[in-house]
Amino acid sequence: MTVSIEAVDMVIPPEANIIVGYSHFIKTVEDLNEIVRTHVPGAKYGIAFSEASGDRLIRFDGNDADLVKASIENIQRISAGHTFVILIRNAYPINILNAVKMCQEVGTVFAATANPLQVILYRGKNGNGVLGVIDGYSPVGVESDEDKMKRREFLRKIGYKE
């Protein structure tokens, strides 16, 4: 038996964010679709979910053809059962993340980001499993008082703090 560990780059289209997680049931794609539509009605999105048994198909939904296509491509890159990818525009993961985590089929969320993202895979006898993610880059320092001020101003500018 040959096993390996590999980092796989995710495709994140311009102006999009990605959520990668693990779920356990074919109903996932419909429930995640409903969550995005009802929490941020103006969001553009694509969702893909890979079955781990039965037909073992990539199930998908969404309202933006490019984001749907990219979410399917990401699931093909991961190629692990019961994994899902949501790509969203005109919304941020923070707008839907709690609802996604509360979805009864969702077991975990590995990442929610707009940063470059790599999924760390264990490739084993029966298929792939997600070990974790590399989200963005490693830190290069500690914020200064000026950096704190910029962070606080930014959060207020985009409406997340008053």
N, C-alpha and C. Protein backbone atom coordinates (compact mmCIF):
# COMPACT_ATOMS: atom_id res chain seq x y z
N MET A 1 0.84 -1.18 0.00
CA MET A 1 0.00 0.00 0.00
C MET A 1 0.89 1.25 0.00
N THR A 2 0.62 2.15 -0.93
CA THR A 2 1.34 3.41 -0.99
C THR A 2 0.49 4.51 -0.38
N VAL A 3 1.07 5.24 0.55
CA VAL A 3 0.39 6.39 1.14
C VAL A 3 1.29 7.60 0.98
N SER A 4 0.67 8.77 0.97
CA SER A 4 1.46 10.00 0.87
C SER A 4 0.70 11.15 1.49
N ILE A 5 1.42 12.20 1.77
CA ILE A 5 0.84 13.45 2.24
C ILE A 5 1.19 14.51 1.22
N GLU A 6 0.20 15.29 0.84
CA GLU A 6 0.38 16.27 -0.23
C GLU A 6 -0.40 17.54 0.10
N ALA A 7 0.15 18.69 -0.31
CA ALA A 7 -0.54 19.98 -0.20
C ALA A 7 -1.11 20.31 -1.58
N VAL A 8 -2.42 20.56 -1.64
CA VAL A 8 -3.11 20.85 -2.89
C VAL A 8 -3.63 22.28 -2.87
N ASP A 9 -3.27 23.05 -3.89
CA ASP A 9 -3.73 24.44 -3.99
C ASP A 9 -5.20 24.50 -4.35
N MET A 10 -5.93 25.38 -3.68
CA MET A 10 -7.32 25.63 -4.03
C MET A 10 -7.39 26.78 -5.03
N VAL A 11 -8.39 26.72 -5.91
CA VAL A 11 -8.64 27.78 -6.88
C VAL A 11 -9.66 28.73 -6.25
N ILE A 12 -9.24 29.98 -6.06
CA ILE A 12 -10.14 30.99 -5.51
C ILE A 12 -10.24 32.11 -6.54
N PRO A 13 -11.38 32.19 -7.23
CA PRO A 13 -11.54 33.24 -8.24
C PRO A 13 -11.43 34.64 -7.63
N PRO A 14 -11.14 35.65 -8.46
CA PRO A 14 -11.03 37.02 -7.96
C PRO A 14 -12.30 37.45 -7.21
N GLU A 15 -12.09 38.20 -6.13
CA GLU A 15 -13.18 38.75 -5.33
C GLU A 15 -13.99 37.68 -4.60
N ALA A 16 -13.49 36.45 -4.54
CA ALA A 16 -14.24 35.37 -3.89
C ALA A 16 -13.58 34.95 -2.58
N ASN A 17 -14.35 34.31 -1.74
CA ASN A 17 -13.89 33.66 -0.53
C ASN A 17 -14.24 32.18 -0.64
N ILE A 18 -13.52 31.37 0.12
CA ILE A 18 -13.74 29.92 0.07
C ILE A 18 -13.98 29.39 1.48
N ILE A 19 -14.88 28.44 1.58
CA ILE A 19 -15.10 27.68 2.81
C ILE A 19 -14.92 26.21 2.43
N VAL A 20 -14.08 25.50 3.19
CA VAL A 20 -13.83 24.08 2.97
C VAL A 20 -14.20 23.35 4.24
N GLY A 21 -14.98 22.28 4.12
CA GLY A 21 -15.39 21.55 5.30
C GLY A 21 -15.66 20.09 5.02
N TYR A 22 -16.08 19.41 6.09
CA TYR A 22 -16.40 17.98 6.05
C TYR A 22 -17.85 17.81 6.47
N SER A 23 -18.57 16.99 5.75
CA SER A 23 -19.96 16.71 6.05
C SER A 23 -20.23 15.22 5.80
N HIS A 24 -21.43 14.75 6.12
CA HIS A 24 -21.63 13.30 6.08
C HIS A 24 -22.81 12.80 5.26
N PHE A 25 -23.48 13.65 4.50
CA PHE A 25 -24.72 13.16 3.91
C PHE A 25 -25.02 13.89 2.61
N ILE A 26 -25.63 13.19 1.65
CA ILE A 26 -25.96 13.73 0.34
C ILE A 26 -26.82 15.00 0.42
N LYS A 27 -27.57 15.15 1.49
CA LYS A 27 -28.44 16.31 1.70
C LYS A 27 -27.63 17.61 1.91
N THR A 28 -26.36 17.48 2.16
CA THR A 28 -25.50 18.63 2.47
C THR A 28 -25.58 19.72 1.42
N VAL A 29 -25.47 19.37 0.16
CA VAL A 29 -25.41 20.39 -0.89
C VAL A 29 -26.69 21.22 -0.90
N GLU A 30 -27.84 20.60 -0.68
CA GLU A 30 -29.09 21.35 -0.66
C GLU A 30 -29.19 22.24 0.58
N ASP A 31 -28.76 21.73 1.71
CA ASP A 31 -28.83 22.54 2.94
C ASP A 31 -27.86 23.71 2.89
N LEU A 32 -26.64 23.49 2.37
CA LEU A 32 -25.70 24.61 2.25
C LEU A 32 -26.20 25.64 1.25
N ASN A 33 -26.81 25.19 0.18
CA ASN A 33 -27.41 26.09 -0.80
C ASN A 33 -28.46 26.98 -0.12
N GLU A 34 -29.31 26.39 0.67
CA GLU A 34 -30.34 27.14 1.37
C GLU A 34 -29.74 28.14 2.35
N ILE A 35 -28.69 27.74 3.04
CA ILE A 35 -28.03 28.63 4.00
C ILE A 35 -27.48 29.88 3.30
N VAL A 36 -26.77 29.70 2.20
CA VAL A 36 -26.20 30.86 1.50
C VAL A 36 -27.31 31.75 0.98
N ARG A 37 -28.30 31.17 0.31
CA ARG A 37 -29.40 31.95 -0.27
C ARG A 37 -30.16 32.76 0.76
N THR A 38 -30.42 32.18 1.94
CA THR A 38 -31.25 32.86 2.93
C THR A 38 -30.47 33.82 3.82
N HIS A 39 -29.17 33.59 4.01
CA HIS A 39 -28.39 34.48 4.87
C HIS A 39 -27.87 35.71 4.14
N VAL A 40 -27.55 35.57 2.86
CA VAL A 40 -27.05 36.70 2.07
C VAL A 40 -27.70 36.60 0.68
N PRO A 41 -28.93 37.10 0.55
CA PRO A 41 -29.65 36.93 -0.72
C PRO A 41 -28.92 37.46 -1.96
N GLY A 42 -28.05 38.48 -1.83
CA GLY A 42 -27.33 39.02 -2.97
C GLY A 42 -26.03 38.33 -3.29
N ALA A 43 -25.69 37.31 -2.53
CA ALA A 43 -24.41 36.62 -2.74
C ALA A 43 -24.43 35.81 -4.03
N LYS A 44 -23.29 35.77 -4.68
CA LYS A 44 -23.05 34.86 -5.80
C LYS A 44 -22.24 33.71 -5.21
N TYR A 45 -22.57 32.47 -5.62
CA TYR A 45 -21.90 31.35 -4.97
C TYR A 45 -21.94 30.09 -5.82
N GLY A 46 -21.04 29.20 -5.47
CA GLY A 46 -21.00 27.86 -6.01
C GLY A 46 -20.67 26.90 -4.88
N ILE A 47 -21.30 25.75 -4.88
CA ILE A 47 -21.10 24.75 -3.83
C ILE A 47 -20.85 23.40 -4.52
N ALA A 48 -19.88 22.66 -4.00
CA ALA A 48 -19.65 21.30 -4.46
C ALA A 48 -19.43 20.40 -3.24
N PHE A 49 -19.93 19.19 -3.34
CA PHE A 49 -19.85 18.21 -2.25
C PHE A 49 -19.53 16.85 -2.85
N SER A 50 -18.59 16.14 -2.26
CA SER A 50 -18.23 14.83 -2.83
C SER A 50 -18.72 13.71 -1.94
N GLU A 51 -19.48 12.82 -2.55
CA GLU A 51 -20.01 11.66 -1.82
C GLU A 51 -18.88 10.67 -1.53
N ALA A 52 -19.00 9.97 -0.41
CA ALA A 52 -17.99 8.99 -0.02
C ALA A 52 -18.45 7.56 -0.25
N SER A 53 -19.72 7.37 -0.58
CA SER A 53 -20.24 6.02 -0.82
C SER A 53 -21.37 6.11 -1.84
N GLY A 54 -21.98 4.97 -2.14
CA GLY A 54 -23.06 4.96 -3.12
C GLY A 54 -22.53 5.33 -4.49
N ASP A 55 -23.15 6.31 -5.14
CA ASP A 55 -22.74 6.73 -6.48
C ASP A 55 -21.38 7.43 -6.50
N ARG A 56 -20.95 7.97 -5.36
CA ARG A 56 -19.66 8.67 -5.22
C ARG A 56 -19.51 9.77 -6.28
N LEU A 57 -20.53 10.58 -6.39
CA LEU A 57 -20.54 11.70 -7.34
C LEU A 57 -20.20 13.00 -6.65
N ILE A 58 -19.79 13.97 -7.45
CA ILE A 58 -19.66 15.34 -6.95
C ILE A 58 -21.01 16.00 -7.17
N ARG A 59 -21.66 16.35 -6.07
CA ARG A 59 -22.94 17.04 -6.12
C ARG A 59 -22.66 18.53 -6.08
N PHE A 60 -23.48 19.35 -6.76
CA PHE A 60 -23.19 20.79 -6.82
C PHE A 60 -24.45 21.61 -6.93
N ASP A 61 -24.31 22.89 -6.60
CA ASP A 61 -25.40 23.86 -6.74
C ASP A 61 -24.79 25.25 -6.72
N GLY A 62 -25.61 26.25 -6.93
CA GLY A 62 -25.15 27.62 -6.87
C GLY A 62 -25.86 28.48 -7.88
N ASN A 63 -25.52 29.77 -7.88
CA ASN A 63 -26.17 30.71 -8.79
C ASN A 63 -25.18 31.46 -9.68
N ASP A 64 -23.93 31.05 -9.67
CA ASP A 64 -22.89 31.68 -10.50
C ASP A 64 -22.09 30.56 -11.17
N ALA A 65 -22.18 30.49 -12.49
CA ALA A 65 -21.56 29.38 -13.23
C ALA A 65 -20.06 29.28 -12.99
N ASP A 66 -19.35 30.41 -12.93
CA ASP A 66 -17.90 30.37 -12.71
C ASP A 66 -17.56 29.85 -11.32
N LEU A 67 -18.32 30.27 -10.31
CA LEU A 67 -18.06 29.81 -8.95
C LEU A 67 -18.44 28.34 -8.79
N VAL A 68 -19.51 27.91 -9.44
CA VAL A 68 -19.86 26.49 -9.41
C VAL A 68 -18.74 25.67 -10.04
N LYS A 69 -18.28 26.10 -11.22
CA LYS A 69 -17.20 25.38 -11.91
C LYS A 69 -15.94 25.31 -11.05
N ALA A 70 -15.56 26.42 -10.41
CA ALA A 70 -14.37 26.44 -9.56
C ALA A 70 -14.55 25.59 -8.31
N SER A 71 -15.77 25.56 -7.75
CA SER A 71 -15.99 24.72 -6.56
C SER A 71 -15.86 23.23 -6.93
N ILE A 72 -16.38 22.87 -8.10
CA ILE A 72 -16.22 21.48 -8.58
C ILE A 72 -14.74 21.16 -8.80
N GLU A 73 -14.01 22.08 -9.42
CA GLU A 73 -12.57 21.87 -9.64
C GLU A 73 -11.84 21.66 -8.31
N ASN A 74 -12.19 22.45 -7.30
CA ASN A 74 -11.54 22.29 -6.00
C ASN A 74 -11.85 20.94 -5.38
N ILE A 75 -13.09 20.50 -5.48
CA ILE A 75 -13.44 19.17 -4.94
C ILE A 75 -12.69 18.08 -5.70
N GLN A 76 -12.53 18.25 -7.00
CA GLN A 76 -11.75 17.27 -7.77
C GLN A 76 -10.30 17.26 -7.32
N ARG A 77 -9.75 18.42 -7.01
CA ARG A 77 -8.36 18.49 -6.52
C ARG A 77 -8.22 17.80 -5.16
N ILE A 78 -9.19 18.01 -4.28
CA ILE A 78 -9.16 17.38 -2.96
C ILE A 78 -9.43 15.89 -3.07
N SER A 79 -10.46 15.54 -3.82
CA SER A 79 -10.83 14.14 -4.09
C SER A 79 -10.94 13.30 -2.82
N ALA A 80 -11.61 13.87 -1.81
CA ALA A 80 -11.85 13.16 -0.56
C ALA A 80 -13.36 13.10 -0.32
N GLY A 81 -13.83 11.95 0.11
CA GLY A 81 -15.25 11.79 0.34
C GLY A 81 -15.78 12.70 1.43
N HIS A 82 -17.05 13.07 1.27
CA HIS A 82 -17.80 13.87 2.23
C HIS A 82 -17.16 15.23 2.52
N THR A 83 -16.48 15.77 1.55
CA THR A 83 -15.87 17.09 1.66
C THR A 83 -16.69 18.07 0.85
N PHE A 84 -16.78 19.32 1.33
CA PHE A 84 -17.51 20.33 0.57
C PHE A 84 -16.68 21.58 0.41
N VAL A 85 -16.99 22.34 -0.64
CA VAL A 85 -16.39 23.63 -0.92
C VAL A 85 -17.51 24.59 -1.24
N ILE A 86 -17.46 25.76 -0.62
CA ILE A 86 -18.36 26.87 -0.96
C ILE A 86 -17.48 28.02 -1.42
N LEU A 87 -17.75 28.57 -2.57
CA LEU A 87 -17.11 29.79 -3.04
C LEU A 87 -18.17 30.87 -3.08
N ILE A 88 -17.87 32.04 -2.49
CA ILE A 88 -18.86 33.12 -2.43
C ILE A 88 -18.26 34.45 -2.85
N ARG A 89 -19.11 35.27 -3.47
CA ARG A 89 -18.80 36.67 -3.80
C ARG A 89 -19.95 37.52 -3.27
N ASN A 90 -19.67 38.79 -3.07
CA ASN A 90 -20.67 39.74 -2.55
C ASN A 90 -21.12 39.35 -1.15
N ALA A 91 -20.28 38.63 -0.45
CA ALA A 91 -20.52 38.21 0.93
C ALA A 91 -19.18 37.74 1.49
N TYR A 92 -19.12 37.62 2.79
CA TYR A 92 -17.93 37.11 3.45
C TYR A 92 -18.29 35.85 4.21
N PRO A 93 -17.33 34.99 4.46
CA PRO A 93 -17.62 33.79 5.27
C PRO A 93 -18.31 34.12 6.60
N ILE A 94 -17.94 35.24 7.21
CA ILE A 94 -18.54 35.62 8.50
C ILE A 94 -20.05 35.74 8.40
N ASN A 95 -20.57 36.04 7.20
CA ASN A 95 -22.01 36.18 7.01
C ASN A 95 -22.76 34.85 7.09
N ILE A 96 -22.08 33.74 6.83
CA ILE A 96 -22.75 32.43 6.79
C ILE A 96 -22.09 31.37 7.66
N LEU A 97 -20.93 31.66 8.20
CA LEU A 97 -20.13 30.62 8.84
C LEU A 97 -20.83 29.93 10.01
N ASN A 98 -21.46 30.68 10.89
CA ASN A 98 -22.15 30.03 12.01
C ASN A 98 -23.27 29.12 11.53
N ALA A 99 -24.01 29.57 10.52
CA ALA A 99 -25.08 28.73 9.98
C ALA A 99 -24.50 27.47 9.33
N VAL A 100 -23.39 27.61 8.63
CA VAL A 100 -22.74 26.43 8.02
C VAL A 100 -22.32 25.46 9.11
N LYS A 101 -21.70 25.95 10.17
CA LYS A 101 -21.25 25.08 11.26
C LYS A 101 -22.41 24.43 11.99
N MET A 102 -23.57 25.10 12.02
CA MET A 102 -24.74 24.55 12.70
C MET A 102 -25.55 23.61 11.81
N CYS A 103 -25.24 23.55 10.53
CA CYS A 103 -25.93 22.62 9.63
C CYS A 103 -25.75 21.20 10.17
N GLN A 104 -26.86 20.47 10.30
CA GLN A 104 -26.80 19.18 11.00
C GLN A 104 -25.88 18.15 10.37
N GLU A 105 -25.57 18.29 9.08
CA GLU A 105 -24.67 17.33 8.45
C GLU A 105 -23.19 17.72 8.59
N VAL A 106 -22.91 18.99 8.84
CA VAL A 106 -21.52 19.46 8.84
C VAL A 106 -20.79 18.99 10.10
N GLY A 107 -19.67 18.31 9.88
CA GLY A 107 -18.85 17.84 10.99
C GLY A 107 -17.79 18.84 11.39
N THR A 108 -17.21 19.52 10.41
CA THR A 108 -16.17 20.51 10.72
C THR A 108 -15.99 21.44 9.54
N VAL A 109 -15.45 22.61 9.84
CA VAL A 109 -15.03 23.56 8.82
C VAL A 109 -13.51 23.67 8.94
N PHE A 110 -12.81 23.39 7.85
CA PHE A 110 -11.36 23.44 7.85
C PHE A 110 -10.83 24.85 7.61
N ALA A 111 -11.52 25.63 6.76
CA ALA A 111 -11.04 26.96 6.40
C ALA A 111 -12.19 27.81 5.90
N ALA A 112 -12.05 29.12 6.13
CA ALA A 112 -12.97 30.12 5.59
C ALA A 112 -12.10 31.35 5.34
N THR A 113 -11.79 31.63 4.07
CA THR A 113 -10.75 32.61 3.78
C THR A 113 -10.84 33.14 2.36
N ALA A 114 -10.15 34.26 2.13
CA ALA A 114 -9.90 34.75 0.78
C ALA A 114 -8.41 34.63 0.45
N ASN A 115 -7.64 34.17 1.43
CA ASN A 115 -6.20 34.00 1.25
C ASN A 115 -5.90 32.82 0.33
N PRO A 116 -4.69 32.78 -0.22
CA PRO A 116 -4.27 31.55 -0.90
C PRO A 116 -4.44 30.39 0.08
N LEU A 117 -4.96 29.27 -0.38
CA LEU A 117 -5.28 28.16 0.50
C LEU A 117 -4.75 26.86 -0.07
N GLN A 118 -4.10 26.10 0.78
CA GLN A 118 -3.68 24.74 0.44
C GLN A 118 -4.38 23.78 1.39
N VAL A 119 -4.89 22.69 0.85
CA VAL A 119 -5.49 21.64 1.66
C VAL A 119 -4.46 20.52 1.77
N ILE A 120 -4.18 20.11 3.00
CA ILE A 120 -3.20 19.05 3.25
C ILE A 120 -3.95 17.72 3.25
N LEU A 121 -3.57 16.86 2.30
CA LEU A 121 -4.25 15.58 2.11
C LEU A 121 -3.39 14.41 2.51
N TYR A 122 -4.02 13.41 3.10
CA TYR A 122 -3.43 12.10 3.28
C TYR A 122 -4.03 11.22 2.20
N ARG A 123 -3.19 10.69 1.33
CA ARG A 123 -3.67 9.82 0.26
C ARG A 123 -3.42 8.38 0.71
N GLY A 124 -4.53 7.67 0.97
CA GLY A 124 -4.43 6.31 1.49
C GLY A 124 -5.05 5.28 0.58
N LYS A 125 -5.21 4.09 1.09
CA LYS A 125 -5.70 2.94 0.34
C LYS A 125 -7.12 3.16 -0.21
N ASN A 126 -8.01 3.74 0.56
CA ASN A 126 -9.40 3.92 0.14
C ASN A 126 -9.68 5.28 -0.50
N GLY A 127 -8.73 6.18 -0.47
CA GLY A 127 -8.95 7.52 -1.00
C GLY A 127 -8.19 8.55 -0.19
N ASN A 128 -8.66 9.76 -0.25
CA ASN A 128 -7.98 10.88 0.41
C ASN A 128 -8.73 11.32 1.65
N GLY A 129 -7.98 11.89 2.58
CA GLY A 129 -8.56 12.50 3.77
C GLY A 129 -7.88 13.83 4.01
N VAL A 130 -8.66 14.80 4.48
CA VAL A 130 -8.11 16.13 4.75
C VAL A 130 -7.50 16.13 6.15
N LEU A 131 -6.20 16.46 6.22
CA LEU A 131 -5.51 16.56 7.50
C LEU A 131 -5.61 17.97 8.08
N GLY A 132 -5.68 18.95 7.21
CA GLY A 132 -5.72 20.34 7.65
C GLY A 132 -5.54 21.26 6.46
N VAL A 133 -5.24 22.51 6.75
CA VAL A 133 -5.08 23.51 5.70
C VAL A 133 -3.91 24.42 6.01
N ILE A 134 -3.41 25.06 4.97
CA ILE A 134 -2.48 26.18 5.11
C ILE A 134 -3.20 27.39 4.55
N ASP A 135 -3.56 28.31 5.43
CA ASP A 135 -4.37 29.48 5.09
C ASP A 135 -3.46 30.70 5.03
N GLY A 136 -3.19 31.19 3.84
CA GLY A 136 -2.36 32.38 3.68
C GLY A 136 -0.89 32.08 3.91
N TYR A 137 -0.26 32.98 4.64
CA TYR A 137 1.18 32.92 4.85
C TYR A 137 1.51 32.98 6.34
N SER A 138 2.74 32.62 6.71
CA SER A 138 3.19 32.70 8.10
C SER A 138 3.42 34.16 8.51
N PRO A 139 3.21 34.49 9.79
CA PRO A 139 3.42 35.87 10.24
C PRO A 139 4.88 36.30 10.13
N VAL A 140 5.07 37.60 9.96
CA VAL A 140 6.42 38.15 9.85
C VAL A 140 6.75 39.11 10.99
N GLY A 141 5.83 39.31 11.92
CA GLY A 141 6.08 40.21 13.04
C GLY A 141 4.87 40.32 13.93
N VAL A 142 4.95 41.24 14.89
CA VAL A 142 3.87 41.51 15.84
C VAL A 142 3.36 42.92 15.56
N GLU A 143 2.03 43.11 15.61
CA GLU A 143 1.47 44.42 15.28
C GLU A 143 1.95 45.51 16.23
N SER A 144 2.13 46.68 15.66
CA SER A 144 2.50 47.87 16.43
C SER A 144 1.22 48.62 16.81
N ASP A 145 1.38 49.70 17.56
CA ASP A 145 0.22 50.54 17.90
C ASP A 145 -0.42 51.09 16.62
N GLU A 146 0.41 51.46 15.64
CA GLU A 146 -0.11 51.96 14.37
C GLU A 146 -0.89 50.86 13.63
N ASP A 147 -0.37 49.63 13.66
CA ASP A 147 -1.07 48.50 13.04
C ASP A 147 -2.42 48.25 13.71
N LYS A 148 -2.47 48.38 15.05
CA LYS A 148 -3.73 48.22 15.77
C LYS A 148 -4.74 49.26 15.32
N MET A 149 -4.27 50.50 15.17
CA MET A 149 -5.14 51.59 14.74
C MET A 149 -5.69 51.30 13.34
N LYS A 150 -4.84 50.84 12.43
CA LYS A 150 -5.28 50.50 11.07
C LYS A 150 -6.31 49.38 11.08
N ARG A 151 -6.08 48.36 11.92
CA ARG A 151 -7.02 47.24 12.03
C ARG A 151 -8.38 47.72 12.51
N ARG A 152 -8.37 48.52 13.55
CA ARG A 152 -9.63 49.04 14.11
C ARG A 152 -10.36 49.92 13.10
N GLU A 153 -9.62 50.78 12.40
CA GLU A 153 -10.23 51.65 11.38
C GLU A 153 -10.82 50.81 10.24
N PHE A 154 -10.10 49.80 9.81
CA PHE A 154 -10.58 48.94 8.73
C PHE A 154 -11.91 48.26 9.10
N LEU A 155 -11.99 47.69 10.30
CA LEU A 155 -13.21 47.01 10.72
C LEU A 155 -14.40 47.96 10.78
N ARG A 156 -14.18 49.20 11.14
CA ARG A 156 -15.24 50.18 11.17
C ARG A 156 -15.62 50.65 9.77
N LYS A 157 -14.62 50.75 8.92
CA LYS A 157 -14.86 51.17 7.52
C LYS A 157 -15.75 50.17 6.79
N ILE A 158 -15.54 48.88 7.02
CA ILE A 158 -16.34 47.88 6.32
C ILE A 158 -17.62 47.52 7.10
N GLY A 159 -17.87 48.18 8.23
CA GLY A 159 -19.13 48.03 8.93
C GLY A 159 -19.22 46.89 9.93
N TYR A 160 -18.09 46.30 10.31
CA TYR A 160 -18.15 45.20 11.27
C TYR A 160 -17.98 45.65 12.72
N LYS A 161 -17.66 46.89 12.93
CA LYS A 161 -17.57 47.47 14.28
C LYS A 161 -18.08 48.91 14.19
N GLU A 162 -18.57 49.40 15.31
CA GLU A 162 -19.03 50.79 15.35
C GLU A 162 -18.06 51.66 16.10
